Protein backbone atom coordinates (compact mmCIF):
# COMPACT_ATOMS: atom_id res chain seq x y z
CA MET A 1 109.22 121.29 120.84
CA LEU A 2 108.02 118.46 123.07
CA VAL A 3 105.73 115.93 121.41
CA ARG A 4 104.00 112.85 122.74
CA VAL A 5 103.94 109.68 120.65
CA ARG A 6 101.52 106.78 121.16
CA LEU A 7 102.90 103.23 121.10
CA PHE A 8 101.23 99.94 120.22
CA ALA A 9 101.92 96.19 120.18
CA GLN A 10 105.66 95.36 120.11
CA LEU A 11 106.67 98.98 120.66
CA ARG A 12 104.44 99.35 123.72
CA GLU A 13 105.92 96.21 125.23
CA ARG A 14 109.51 97.23 124.45
CA ALA A 15 109.04 100.64 126.04
CA GLY A 16 106.97 99.35 128.95
CA ARG A 17 104.45 102.13 128.43
CA SER A 18 101.89 103.32 125.89
CA GLU A 19 103.38 106.76 125.23
CA LEU A 20 106.78 108.38 125.01
CA GLU A 21 107.94 112.01 124.80
CA LEU A 22 110.33 113.31 122.16
CA GLU A 23 112.18 116.60 122.22
CA LEU A 24 112.35 117.79 118.61
CA PRO A 25 113.48 121.08 117.07
CA GLU A 26 110.95 123.46 115.55
CA GLY A 27 110.40 122.52 111.93
CA ALA A 28 111.05 118.82 112.61
CA ARG A 29 109.65 116.31 110.17
CA VAL A 30 108.40 112.75 110.46
CA ALA A 31 111.85 111.39 109.58
CA ASP A 32 113.32 113.29 112.56
CA ALA A 33 110.81 111.70 114.94
CA LEU A 34 111.50 108.23 113.57
CA ALA A 35 115.23 108.76 113.98
CA ALA A 36 114.71 109.95 117.57
CA VAL A 37 113.13 106.71 118.78
CA GLY A 38 116.53 104.98 118.55
CA ASP A 39 116.83 101.41 119.81
CA LEU A 40 113.09 101.18 120.39
CA ALA A 41 112.65 100.71 116.64
CA ALA A 42 115.46 98.18 116.19
CA GLY A 43 114.52 95.56 113.61
CA LEU A 44 111.11 97.05 112.85
CA PRO A 45 110.27 99.00 109.67
CA LEU A 46 108.12 101.71 111.21
CA VAL A 47 105.77 104.27 109.80
CA MET A 48 104.33 107.24 111.69
CA ALA A 49 100.70 108.22 111.86
CA VAL A 50 100.05 111.94 112.23
CA ASN A 51 96.54 112.93 113.25
CA ARG A 52 95.40 109.35 112.54
CA GLU A 53 96.66 109.22 108.95
CA TYR A 54 99.82 107.56 107.67
CA ALA A 55 102.48 110.21 107.09
CA GLU A 56 105.38 110.56 104.67
CA ASP A 57 108.92 110.95 106.05
CA ASP A 58 109.17 114.58 104.93
CA ASP A 59 105.83 115.71 106.40
CA LEU A 60 106.19 118.64 108.80
CA LEU A 61 105.30 118.12 112.48
CA HIS A 62 103.52 120.56 114.79
CA PRO A 63 103.30 120.60 118.62
CA GLN A 64 99.54 119.96 118.57
CA ASP A 65 99.73 116.89 116.30
CA GLU A 66 98.63 113.48 117.53
CA LEU A 67 101.52 111.16 116.74
CA ALA A 68 101.68 107.38 116.80
CA LEU A 69 104.42 104.92 115.89
CA VAL A 70 102.98 102.10 113.80
CA PRO A 71 104.92 98.82 113.63
CA PRO A 72 104.22 96.35 110.79
CA VAL A 73 100.52 95.59 110.86
CA SER A 74 99.14 92.04 111.17
CA GLY A 75 97.37 91.87 108.42
CA GLY A 76 82.92 102.30 116.12
CA SER A 77 80.64 101.65 113.19
CA GLY A 78 80.31 103.40 109.88
CA ALA A 79 76.91 104.62 108.88
CA ALA A 80 75.25 103.60 105.62
CA VAL A 81 75.94 106.01 102.75
CA GLU A 82 75.07 106.23 99.06
CA ARG A 83 76.57 102.81 98.25
CA ALA A 84 75.34 101.12 101.45
CA LEU A 85 78.85 101.08 102.87
CA HIS A 86 79.61 99.67 106.32
CA TRP A 87 82.72 99.35 108.49
CA ARG A 88 83.28 98.44 112.12
CA ILE A 89 86.01 97.63 114.66
CA THR A 90 84.58 95.63 117.57
CA GLU A 91 85.34 93.26 120.42
CA GLU A 92 82.14 91.31 119.71
CA PRO A 93 81.91 88.09 117.64
CA LEU A 94 81.45 88.71 113.91
CA SER A 95 78.59 87.42 111.74
CA LEU A 96 79.24 86.78 108.06
CA ASP A 97 75.52 86.28 107.39
CA ALA A 98 74.72 89.67 108.89
CA LEU A 99 77.48 91.32 106.86
CA ALA A 100 76.28 89.70 103.63
CA ALA A 101 72.79 91.01 104.33
CA ARG A 102 74.20 94.53 104.51
CA VAL A 103 75.47 94.40 100.91
CA ARG A 104 72.45 92.81 99.24
CA ASP A 105 71.09 95.14 96.59
CA PRO A 106 68.45 94.76 93.86
CA ARG A 107 71.07 95.89 91.31
CA ALA A 108 73.55 93.20 92.40
CA GLY A 109 73.81 89.90 90.57
CA ALA A 110 76.75 88.76 92.71
CA VAL A 111 77.64 88.86 96.41
CA VAL A 112 81.12 87.72 97.50
CA THR A 113 82.18 87.30 101.13
CA PHE A 114 85.38 86.37 102.93
CA SER A 115 86.00 85.32 106.52
CA GLY A 116 89.43 85.10 108.14
CA THR A 117 89.31 82.76 111.15
CA THR A 118 91.59 81.59 113.93
CA ARG A 119 93.18 78.22 113.09
CA ASP A 120 95.65 75.76 114.65
CA VAL A 121 95.80 77.59 118.02
CA GLU A 122 93.30 78.02 120.85
CA PHE A 123 93.06 81.78 120.36
CA LEU A 124 94.66 84.88 118.85
CA ASP A 125 94.91 88.29 120.50
CA TYR A 126 94.43 91.45 118.45
CA GLU A 127 95.40 95.00 119.42
CA ALA A 128 94.47 98.13 117.46
CA TYR A 129 95.14 101.82 117.26
CA ALA A 130 91.36 101.95 117.37
CA GLU A 131 90.66 105.57 116.47
CA MET A 132 92.90 105.42 113.42
CA ALA A 133 91.78 101.90 112.48
CA VAL A 134 88.15 103.00 112.18
CA ALA A 135 89.10 105.95 109.96
CA GLU A 136 91.44 103.81 107.85
CA LEU A 137 88.83 101.08 107.46
CA GLU A 138 86.30 103.66 106.30
CA ARG A 139 88.81 104.95 103.73
CA ILE A 140 89.47 101.42 102.46
CA VAL A 141 85.78 100.53 102.13
CA ARG A 142 84.95 103.78 100.36
CA SER A 143 87.88 103.63 97.95
CA VAL A 144 87.40 99.95 97.03
CA ALA A 145 83.67 100.45 96.43
CA ALA A 146 84.39 103.36 94.09
CA GLU A 147 87.29 101.70 92.26
CA HIS A 148 85.39 98.48 91.52
CA ASP A 149 81.98 100.11 91.00
CA LEU A 150 80.39 98.01 93.74
CA CYS A 151 76.75 98.25 94.66
CA ALA A 152 77.73 97.90 98.33
CA ALA A 153 80.75 97.01 100.46
CA ALA A 154 81.25 96.11 104.10
CA ALA A 155 84.10 95.10 106.41
CA GLU A 156 84.46 94.34 110.10
CA HIS A 157 87.54 93.53 112.19
CA ARG A 158 87.47 92.04 115.65
CA ILE A 159 89.96 92.99 118.37
CA GLY A 160 90.77 91.42 121.69
CA ARG A 161 90.79 87.61 122.03
CA VAL A 162 89.44 85.58 119.10
CA PRO A 163 89.02 81.85 119.90
CA LEU A 164 89.74 78.95 117.56
CA GLY A 165 87.26 78.76 114.69
CA GLU A 166 85.89 82.28 115.15
CA ALA A 167 86.33 85.11 112.65
CA SER A 168 88.75 87.96 113.20
CA VAL A 169 87.96 89.80 109.95
CA ILE A 170 85.08 89.59 107.48
CA VAL A 171 84.35 91.43 104.23
CA ALA A 172 81.50 91.46 101.73
CA ALA A 173 81.06 93.04 98.31
CA SER A 174 78.15 93.14 95.88
CA ALA A 175 78.18 94.15 92.22
CA PRO A 176 76.07 93.69 89.09
CA HIS A 177 78.47 90.99 87.85
CA ARG A 178 80.74 88.44 89.57
CA PRO A 179 84.17 89.73 88.32
CA GLU A 180 83.67 93.08 90.04
CA ALA A 181 82.33 91.43 93.20
CA PHE A 182 85.30 89.03 93.42
CA LEU A 183 87.82 91.80 92.75
CA GLY A 184 86.16 94.09 95.26
CA ALA A 185 86.16 91.50 98.05
CA ARG A 186 89.80 90.63 97.32
CA ALA A 187 90.82 94.30 97.38
CA LEU A 188 89.02 94.82 100.69
CA ILE A 189 90.80 92.02 102.54
CA ASP A 190 94.20 92.69 100.94
CA ARG A 191 94.16 96.37 101.91
CA ILE A 192 92.84 95.64 105.39
CA LYS A 193 95.70 93.18 105.99
CA SER A 194 98.36 95.54 104.67
CA GLN A 195 97.13 98.93 105.90
CA LEU A 196 94.96 98.64 109.01
CA PRO A 197 96.86 99.48 112.25
CA ILE A 198 96.01 96.19 113.96
CA TRP A 199 98.51 93.72 115.45
CA LYS A 200 98.17 90.00 116.14
CA ARG A 201 99.71 87.94 118.93
CA GLU A 202 99.87 84.16 118.59
CA GLU A 203 100.86 82.03 121.59
CA GLY A 204 102.59 84.97 123.25
CA ASP A 205 104.49 86.26 120.21
CA TRP A 206 103.61 89.14 117.92
CA VAL A 207 103.07 87.91 114.36
CA GLU A 208 105.51 89.38 111.85
CA GLY A 209 103.77 91.89 109.59
CA VAL A 210 104.35 94.40 106.82
CA ARG A 211 105.17 98.10 106.83
CA PRO A 212 102.08 100.15 105.85
CA THR A 213 102.45 102.42 102.82
CA PRO A 214 101.51 106.07 103.46
CA GLY A 215 99.07 107.29 100.83
CA ALA A 216 98.30 103.80 99.54
């Protein structure tokens, strides 16, 4: 079967295009597709996304699947739900004050925020597998809010060019007590940095990242 695979960041530049085609046998699995990319993957611990979710090596592939090769990650909008959850991938500047306002809750005795900003260089460039990044960010926000019993949780990540001193990622968590709020905010940023399919370029070079963990 012939399948198309989307490419991002280092892989896109190596291939000189944003997609490639692989000829795979019927019944092929993710591991077969990873093996088929050959020298393109040299030196990079890759993971494959199938239908915008991280896949295990032994997952079965189908001709209609949307496939994407995800190199180590540099670590629209979600609507409010029962816990006042919010997530967004955007090219616009981020506002920590606005995000903190989203998680304020009469039940919350603590609100913790975090802002990751560009430092030391004039700018950073971010690229994302945007459709998957939005879905993955939603999953992270929902799971962290449930695990830490947060009143509310919110996270936004900027893509494109982020100048010196401006935020590329912001998170906020509120909870009845400060331990849960601190743990929730820490879990949000840690999972975003390790799991979100977003890549960072600094002064022309892609920043070394980590291999996402399917099912994490």
